PDB file of N, CA and C in Angstrom:
ATOM      1  N   UNK A   1      60.196  60.754 135.706  1.00  0.00           N
ATOM      2  CA  UNK A   1      59.853  60.136 134.437  1.00  0.00           C
ATOM      3  C   UNK A   1      58.499  59.453 134.544  1.00  0.00           C
ATOM      4  N   UNK A   2      57.737  59.659 133.519  1.00  0.00           N
ATOM      5  CA  UNK A   2      56.436  58.988 133.491  1.00  0.00           C
ATOM      6  C   UNK A   2      56.581  57.642 132.798  1.00  0.00           C
ATOM      7  N   UNK A   3      55.594  56.802 132.970  1.00  0.00           N
ATOM      8  CA  UNK A   3      55.631  55.478 132.347  1.00  0.00           C
ATOM      9  C   UNK A   3      55.647  55.585 130.829  1.00  0.00           C
ATOM     10  N   UNK A   4      54.958  56.572 130.283  1.00  0.00           N
ATOM     11  CA  UNK A   4      54.942  56.755 128.833  1.00  0.00           C
ATOM     12  C   UNK A   4      56.349  57.082 128.331  1.00  0.00           C
ATOM     13  N   UNK A   5      57.025  57.947 129.044  1.00  0.00           N
ATOM     14  CA  UNK A   5      58.395  58.312 128.669  1.00  0.00           C
ATOM     15  C   UNK A   5      59.325  57.091 128.769  1.00  0.00           C
ATOM     16  N   UNK A   6      59.145  56.298 129.793  1.00  0.00           N
ATOM     17  CA  UNK A   6      59.955  55.079 129.961  1.00  0.00           C
ATOM     18  C   UNK A   6      59.726  54.106 128.810  1.00  0.00           C
ATOM     19  N   UNK A   7      58.488  53.984 128.345  1.00  0.00           N
ATOM     20  CA  UNK A   7      58.183  53.078 127.235  1.00  0.00           C
ATOM     21  C   UNK A   7      58.848  53.549 125.948  1.00  0.00           C
ATOM     22  N   UNK A   8      58.854  54.864 125.737  1.00  0.00           N
ATOM     23  CA  UNK A   8      59.493  55.414 124.538  1.00  0.00           C
ATOM     24  C   UNK A   8      60.998  55.146 124.579  1.00  0.00           C
ATOM     25  N   UNK A   9      61.591  55.381 125.733  1.00  0.00           N
ATOM     26  CA  UNK A   9      63.026  55.130 125.889  1.00  0.00           C
ATOM     27  C   UNK A   9      63.332  53.647 125.702  1.00  0.00           C
ATOM     28  N   UNK A  10      62.511  52.775 126.263  1.00  0.00           N
ATOM     29  CA  UNK A  10      62.722  51.333 126.125  1.00  0.00           C
ATOM     30  C   UNK A  10      62.600  50.906 124.667  1.00  0.00           C
ATOM     31  N   UNK A  11      61.630  51.482 123.946  1.00  0.00           N
ATOM     32  CA  UNK A  11      61.450  51.142 122.535  1.00  0.00           C
ATOM     33  C   UNK A  11      62.676  51.576 121.728  1.00  0.00           C
ATOM     34  N   UNK A  12      63.179  52.762 121.979  1.00  0.00           N
ATOM     35  CA  UNK A  12      64.368  53.245 121.269  1.00  0.00           C
ATOM     36  C   UNK A  12      65.585  52.382 121.602  1.00  0.00           C
ATOM     37  N   UNK A  13      65.702  51.993 122.837  1.00  0.00           N
ATOM     38  CA  UNK A  13      66.806  51.133 123.258  1.00  0.00           C
ATOM     39  C   UNK A  13      66.736  49.779 122.554  1.00  0.00           C
ATOM     40  N   UNK A  14      65.546  49.218 122.474  1.00  0.00           N
ATOM     41  CA  UNK A  14      65.365  47.935 121.780  1.00  0.00           C
ATOM     42  C   UNK A  14      65.730  48.058 120.298  1.00  0.00           C
ATOM     43  N   UNK A  15      65.332  49.170 119.667  1.00  0.00           N
ATOM     44  CA  UNK A  15      65.662  49.389 118.259  1.00  0.00           C
ATOM     45  C   UNK A  15      67.177  49.498 118.066  1.00  0.00           C
ATOM     46  N   UNK A  16      67.830  50.190 118.972  1.00  0.00           N
ATOM     47  CA  UNK A  16      69.281  50.335 118.875  1.00  0.00           C
ATOM     48  C   UNK A  16      69.982  48.998 119.097  1.00  0.00           C
ATOM     49  N   UNK A  17      69.485  48.211 120.024  1.00  0.00           N
ATOM     50  CA  UNK A  17      70.054  46.879 120.245  1.00  0.00           C
ATOM     51  C   UNK A  17      69.920  46.017 118.993  1.00  0.00           C
ATOM     52  N   UNK A  18      68.765  46.106 118.347  1.00  0.00           N
ATOM     53  CA  UNK A  18      68.532  45.337 117.122  1.00  0.00           C
ATOM     54  C   UNK A  18      69.484  45.804 116.012  1.00  0.00           C
ATOM     55  N   UNK A  19      69.641  47.113 115.873  1.00  0.00           N
ATOM     56  CA  UNK A  19      70.538  47.653 114.850  1.00  0.00           C
ATOM     57  C   UNK A  19      71.981  47.220 115.113  1.00  0.00           C
ATOM     58  N   UNK A  20      72.401  47.256 116.363  1.00  0.00           N
ATOM     59  CA  UNK A  20      73.759  46.829 116.717  1.00  0.00           C
ATOM     60  C   UNK A  20      73.942  45.348 116.415  1.00  0.00           C
ATOM     61  N   UNK A  21      72.941  44.549 116.703  1.00  0.00           N
ATOM     62  CA  UNK A  21      73.008  43.118 116.423  1.00  0.00           C
ATOM     63  C   UNK A  21      73.158  42.865 114.923  1.00  0.00           C
ATOM     64  N   UNK A  22      72.401  43.594 114.112  1.00  0.00           N
ATOM     65  CA  UNK A  22      72.506  43.449 112.660  1.00  0.00           C
ATOM     66  C   UNK A  22      73.895  43.861 112.169  1.00  0.00           C
ATOM     67  N   UNK A  23      74.419  44.958 112.705  1.00  0.00           N
ATOM     68  CA  UNK A  23      75.747  45.416 112.302  1.00  0.00           C
ATOM     69  C   UNK A  23      76.825  44.403 112.673  1.00  0.00           C
ATOM     70  N   UNK A  24      76.696  43.788 113.835  1.00  0.00           N
ATOM     71  CA  UNK A  24      77.663  42.766 114.237  1.00  0.00           C
ATOM     72  C   UNK A  24      77.598  41.547 113.323  1.00  0.00           C
ATOM     73  N   UNK A  25      76.394  41.184 112.899  1.00  0.00           N
ATOM     74  CA  UNK A  25      76.234  40.071 111.962  1.00  0.00           C
ATOM     75  C   UNK A  25      76.900  40.401 110.629  1.00  0.00           C
ATOM     76  N   UNK A  26      76.686  41.617 110.144  1.00  0.00           N
ATOM     77  CA  UNK A  26      77.310  42.053 108.891  1.00  0.00           C
ATOM     78  C   UNK A  26      78.828  42.055 109.032  1.00  0.00           C
ATOM     79  N   UNK A  27      79.320  42.549 110.140  1.00  0.00           N
ATOM     80  CA  UNK A  27      80.758  42.596 110.389  1.00  0.00           C
ATOM     81  C   UNK A  27      81.360  41.193 110.430  1.00  0.00           C
ATOM     82  N   UNK A  28      80.692  40.271 111.094  1.00  0.00           N
ATOM     83  CA  UNK A  28      81.189  38.893 111.182  1.00  0.00           C
ATOM     84  C   UNK A  28      81.219  38.233 109.803  1.00  0.00           C
ATOM     85  N   UNK A  29      80.179  38.451 109.013  1.00  0.00           N
ATOM     86  CA  UNK A  29      80.120  37.883 107.664  1.00  0.00           C
ATOM     87  C   UNK A  29      81.232  38.453 106.793  1.00  0.00           C
ATOM     88  N   UNK A  30      81.425  39.758 106.862  1.00  0.00           N
ATOM     89  CA  UNK A  30      82.481  40.408 106.090  1.00  0.00           C
ATOM     90  C   UNK A  30      83.849  39.899 106.514  1.00  0.00           C
ATOM     91  N   UNK A  31      84.039  39.728 107.794  1.00  0.00           N
ATOM     92  CA  UNK A  31      85.312  39.229 108.303  1.00  0.00           C
ATOM     93  C   UNK A  31      85.583  37.812 107.801  1.00  0.00           C
ATOM     94  N   UNK A  32      84.561  36.960 107.795  1.00  0.00           N
ATOM     95  CA  UNK A  32      84.719  35.588 107.279  1.00  0.00           C
ATOM     96  C   UNK A  32      85.106  35.612 105.802  1.00  0.00           C
ATOM     97  N   UNK A  33      84.455  36.489 105.030  1.00  0.00           N
ATOM     98  CA  UNK A  33      84.771  36.580 103.605  1.00  0.00           C
ATOM     99  C   UNK A  33      86.203  37.053 103.388  1.00  0.00           C
ATOM    100  N   UNK A  34      86.646  38.005 104.191  1.00  0.00           N
ATOM    101  CA  UNK A  34      88.023  38.486 104.081  1.00  0.00           C
ATOM    102  C   UNK A  34      89.027  37.390 104.409  1.00  0.00           C
ATOM    103  N   UNK A  35      88.737  36.609 105.423  1.00  0.00           N
ATOM    104  CA  UNK A  35      89.625  35.498 105.788  1.00  0.00           C
ATOM    105  C   UNK A  35      89.676  34.482 104.651  1.00  0.00           C
ATOM    106  N   UNK A  36      88.526  34.173 104.055  1.00  0.00           N
ATOM    107  CA  UNK A  36      88.494  33.233 102.930  1.00  0.00           C
ATOM    108  C   UNK A  36      89.303  33.761 101.744  1.00  0.00           C
ATOM    109  N   UNK A  37      89.137  35.053 101.435  1.00  0.00           N
ATOM    110  CA  UNK A  37      89.890  35.650 100.336  1.00  0.00           C
ATOM    111  C   UNK A  37      91.388  35.641 100.614  1.00  0.00           C
ATOM    112  N   UNK A  38      91.757  35.942 101.833  1.00  0.00           N
ATOM    113  CA  UNK A  38      93.170  35.945 102.197  1.00  0.00           C
ATOM    114  C   UNK A  38      93.760  34.540 102.086  1.00  0.00           C
ATOM    115  N   UNK A  39      93.029  33.535 102.543  1.00  0.00           N
ATOM    116  CA  UNK A  39      93.505  32.150 102.438  1.00  0.00           C
ATOM    117  C   UNK A  39      93.662  31.732 100.982  1.00  0.00           C
ATOM    118  N   UNK A  40      92.713  32.109 100.141  1.00  0.00           N
ATOM    119  CA  UNK A  40      92.793  31.802  98.716  1.00  0.00           C
ATOM    120  C   UNK A  40      94.002  32.490  98.096  1.00  0.00           C
ATOM    121  N   UNK A  41      94.207  33.736  98.456  1.00  0.00           N
ATOM    122  CA  UNK A  41      95.345  34.495  97.941  1.00  0.00           C
ATOM    123  C   UNK A  41      96.666  33.840  98.353  1.00  0.00           C
ATOM    124  N   UNK A  42      96.762  33.424  99.598  1.00  0.00           N
ATOM    125  CA  UNK A  42      97.984  32.776 100.087  1.00  0.00           C
ATOM    126  C   UNK A  42      98.220  31.462  99.344  1.00  0.00           C
ATOM    127  N   UNK A  43      97.167  30.672  99.141  1.00  0.00           N
ATOM    128  CA  UNK A  43      97.307  29.408  98.412  1.00  0.00           C
ATOM    129  C   UNK A  43      97.789  29.658  96.988  1.00  0.00           C
ATOM    130  N   UNK A  44      97.230  30.690  96.329  1.00  0.00           N
ATOM    131  CA  UNK A  44      97.646  31.009  94.961  1.00  0.00           C
ATOM    132  C   UNK A  44      99.097  31.470  94.914  1.00  0.00           C
ATOM    133  N   UNK A  45      99.519  32.251  95.890  1.00  0.00           N
ATOM    134  CA  UNK A  45     100.916  32.689  95.933  1.00  0.00           C
ATOM    135  C   UNK A  45     101.851  31.504  96.101  1.00  0.00           C
ATOM    136  N   UNK A  46     101.506  30.587  96.983  1.00  0.00           N
ATOM    137  CA  UNK A  46     102.335  29.398  97.205  1.00  0.00           C
ATOM    138  C   UNK A  46     102.387  28.552  95.937  1.00  0.00           C
ATOM    139  N   UNK A  47     101.259  28.395  95.271  1.00  0.00           N
ATOM    140  CA  UNK A  47     101.200  27.614  94.041  1.00  0.00           C
ATOM    141  C   UNK A  47     102.100  28.218  92.973  1.00  0.00           C
ATOM    142  N   UNK A  48     102.057  29.527  92.814  1.00  0.00           N
ATOM    143  CA  UNK A  48     102.875  30.180  91.791  1.00  0.00           C
ATOM    144  C   UNK A  48     104.354  30.177  92.150  1.00  0.00           C
ATOM    145  N   UNK A  49     104.680  30.149  93.423  1.00  0.00           N
ATOM    146  CA  UNK A  49     106.083  30.097  93.827  1.00  0.00           C
ATOM    147  C   UNK A  49     106.690  28.733  93.526  1.00  0.00           C
ATOM    148  N   UNK A  50     105.901  27.674  93.617  1.00  0.00           N
ATOM    149  CA  UNK A  50     106.420  26.322  93.422  1.00  0.00           C
ATOM    150  C   UNK A  50     106.355  25.857  91.973  1.00  0.00           C
ATOM    151  N   UNK A  51     105.642  26.545  91.134  1.00  0.00           N
ATOM    152  CA  UNK A  51     105.570  26.148  89.727  1.00  0.00           C
ATOM    153  C   UNK A  51     105.818  27.372  88.848  1.00  0.00           C
ATOM    154  N   UNK A  52     107.086  27.680  88.604  1.00  0.00           N
ATOM    155  CA  UNK A  52     107.391  28.859  87.780  1.00  0.00           C
ATOM    156  C   UNK A  52     106.904  28.661  86.351  1.00  0.00           C
ATOM    157  N   UNK A  53     106.539  29.757  85.728  1.00  0.00           N
ATOM    158  CA  UNK A  53     106.008  29.698  84.366  1.00  0.00           C
ATOM    159  C   UNK A  53     107.104  29.509  83.323  1.00  0.00           C
ATOM    160  N   UNK A  54     108.303  29.990  83.606  1.00  0.00           N
ATOM    161  CA  UNK A  54     109.369  29.988  82.617  1.00  0.00           C
ATOM    162  C   UNK A  54     110.519  29.096  83.069  1.00  0.00           C
ATOM    163  N   UNK A  55     111.163  28.478  82.079  1.00  0.00           N
ATOM    164  CA  UNK A  55     112.356  27.691  82.350  1.00  0.00           C
ATOM    165  C   UNK A  55     113.544  28.641  82.320  1.00  0.00           C
ATOM    166  N   UNK A  56     114.341  28.618  83.362  1.00  0.00           N
ATOM    167  CA  UNK A  56     115.527  29.465  83.426  1.00  0.00           C
ATOM    168  C   UNK A  56     116.747  28.573  83.275  1.00  0.00           C
ATOM    169  N   UNK A  57     117.485  28.788  82.196  1.00  0.00           N
ATOM    170  CA  UNK A  57     118.681  27.994  81.935  1.00  0.00           C
ATOM    171  C   UNK A  57     119.825  28.504  82.790  1.00  0.00           C
ATOM    172  N   UNK A  58     120.637  27.574  83.272  1.00  0.00           N
ATOM    173  CA  UNK A  58     121.777  27.982  84.090  1.00  0.00           C
ATOM    174  C   UNK A  58     122.905  28.530  83.223  1.00  0.00           C
ATOM    175  N   UNK A  59     122.960  28.116  81.956  1.00  0.00           N
ATOM    176  CA  UNK A  59     123.967  28.652  81.030  1.00  0.00           C
ATOM    177  C   UNK A  59     123.417  28.565  79.615  1.00  0.00           C
ATOM    178  N   UNK A  60     124.069  29.232  78.700  1.00  0.00           N
ATOM    179  CA  UNK A  60     123.594  29.211  77.317  1.00  0.00           C
ATOM    180  C   UNK A  60     123.758  27.833  76.691  1.00  0.00           C
ATOM    181  N   UNK A  61     124.713  27.030  77.163  1.00  0.00           N
ATOM    182  CA  UNK A  61     124.897  25.683  76.608  1.00  0.00           C
ATOM    183  C   UNK A  61     123.710  24.787  76.939  1.00  0.00           C
ATOM    184  N   UNK A  62     123.077  25.021  78.102  1.00  0.00           N
ATOM    185  CA  UNK A  62     121.892  24.243  78.455  1.00  0.00           C
ATOM    186  C   UNK A  62     120.781  24.474  77.446  1.00  0.00           C
ATOM    187  N   UNK A  63     120.612  25.703  77.050  1.00  0.00           N
ATOM    188  CA  UNK A  63     119.547  26.045  76.110  1.00  0.00           C
ATOM    189  C   UNK A  63     119.862  25.469  74.742  1.00  0.00           C
ATOM    190  N   UNK A  64     121.088  25.625  74.279  1.00  0.00           N
ATOM    191  CA  UNK A  64     121.424  25.153  72.938  1.00  0.00           C
ATOM    192  C   UNK A  64     121.373  23.629  72.839  1.00  0.00           C
ATOM    193  N   UNK A  65     121.746  22.925  73.896  1.00  0.00           N
ATOM    194  CA  UNK A  65     121.725  21.467  73.824  1.00  0.00           C
ATOM    195  C   UNK A  65     120.306  20.913  73.909  1.00  0.00           C
ATOM    196  N   UNK A  66     119.439  21.561  74.663  1.00  0.00           N
ATOM    197  CA  UNK A  66     118.075  21.051  74.817  1.00  0.00           C
ATOM    198  C   UNK A  66     117.188  21.401  73.630  1.00  0.00           C
ATOM    199  N   UNK A  67     117.451  22.532  73.010  1.00  0.00           N
ATOM    200  CA  UNK A  67     116.546  23.011  71.973  1.00  0.00           C
ATOM    201  C   UNK A  67     117.225  23.105  70.603  1.00  0.00           C
ATOM    202  N   UNK A  68     118.244  22.356  70.402  1.00  0.00           N
ATOM    203  CA  UNK A  68     118.960  22.413  69.133  1.00  0.00           C
ATOM    204  C   UNK A  68     118.164  21.692  68.050  1.00  0.00           C
ATOM    205  N   UNK A  69     117.970  22.330  66.894  1.00  0.00           N
ATOM    206  CA  UNK A  69     117.246  21.655  65.801  1.00  0.00           C
ATOM    207  C   UNK A  69     118.118  20.632  65.078  1.00  0.00           C
ATOM    208  N   UNK A  70     119.420  20.592  65.395  1.00  0.00           N
ATOM    209  CA  UNK A  70     120.345  19.702  64.705  1.00  0.00           C
ATOM    210  C   UNK A  70     120.573  18.386  65.421  1.00  0.00           C
ATOM    211  N   UNK A  71     119.799  18.073  66.383  1.00  0.00           N
ATOM    212  CA  UNK A  71     119.958  16.814  67.122  1.00  0.00           C
ATOM    213  C   UNK A  71     119.382  15.665  66.368  1.00  0.00           C
TER     214      UNK A  71
END
């Protein structure tokens, strides 16, 4: 190998190292965003589980006594 050939190989190696470094940075950023989204999703699921949107009556008498217009 000549010195010129070694310089070309070294330059290509440096470029590949730089590209790999950029890809790892992108991967780490994407991973952080996914973790944040997953945490938000879990918090929303827990919130919706503890605060139901609808009132469920245990019997029809519960509904009629609470919402009777004749009270």
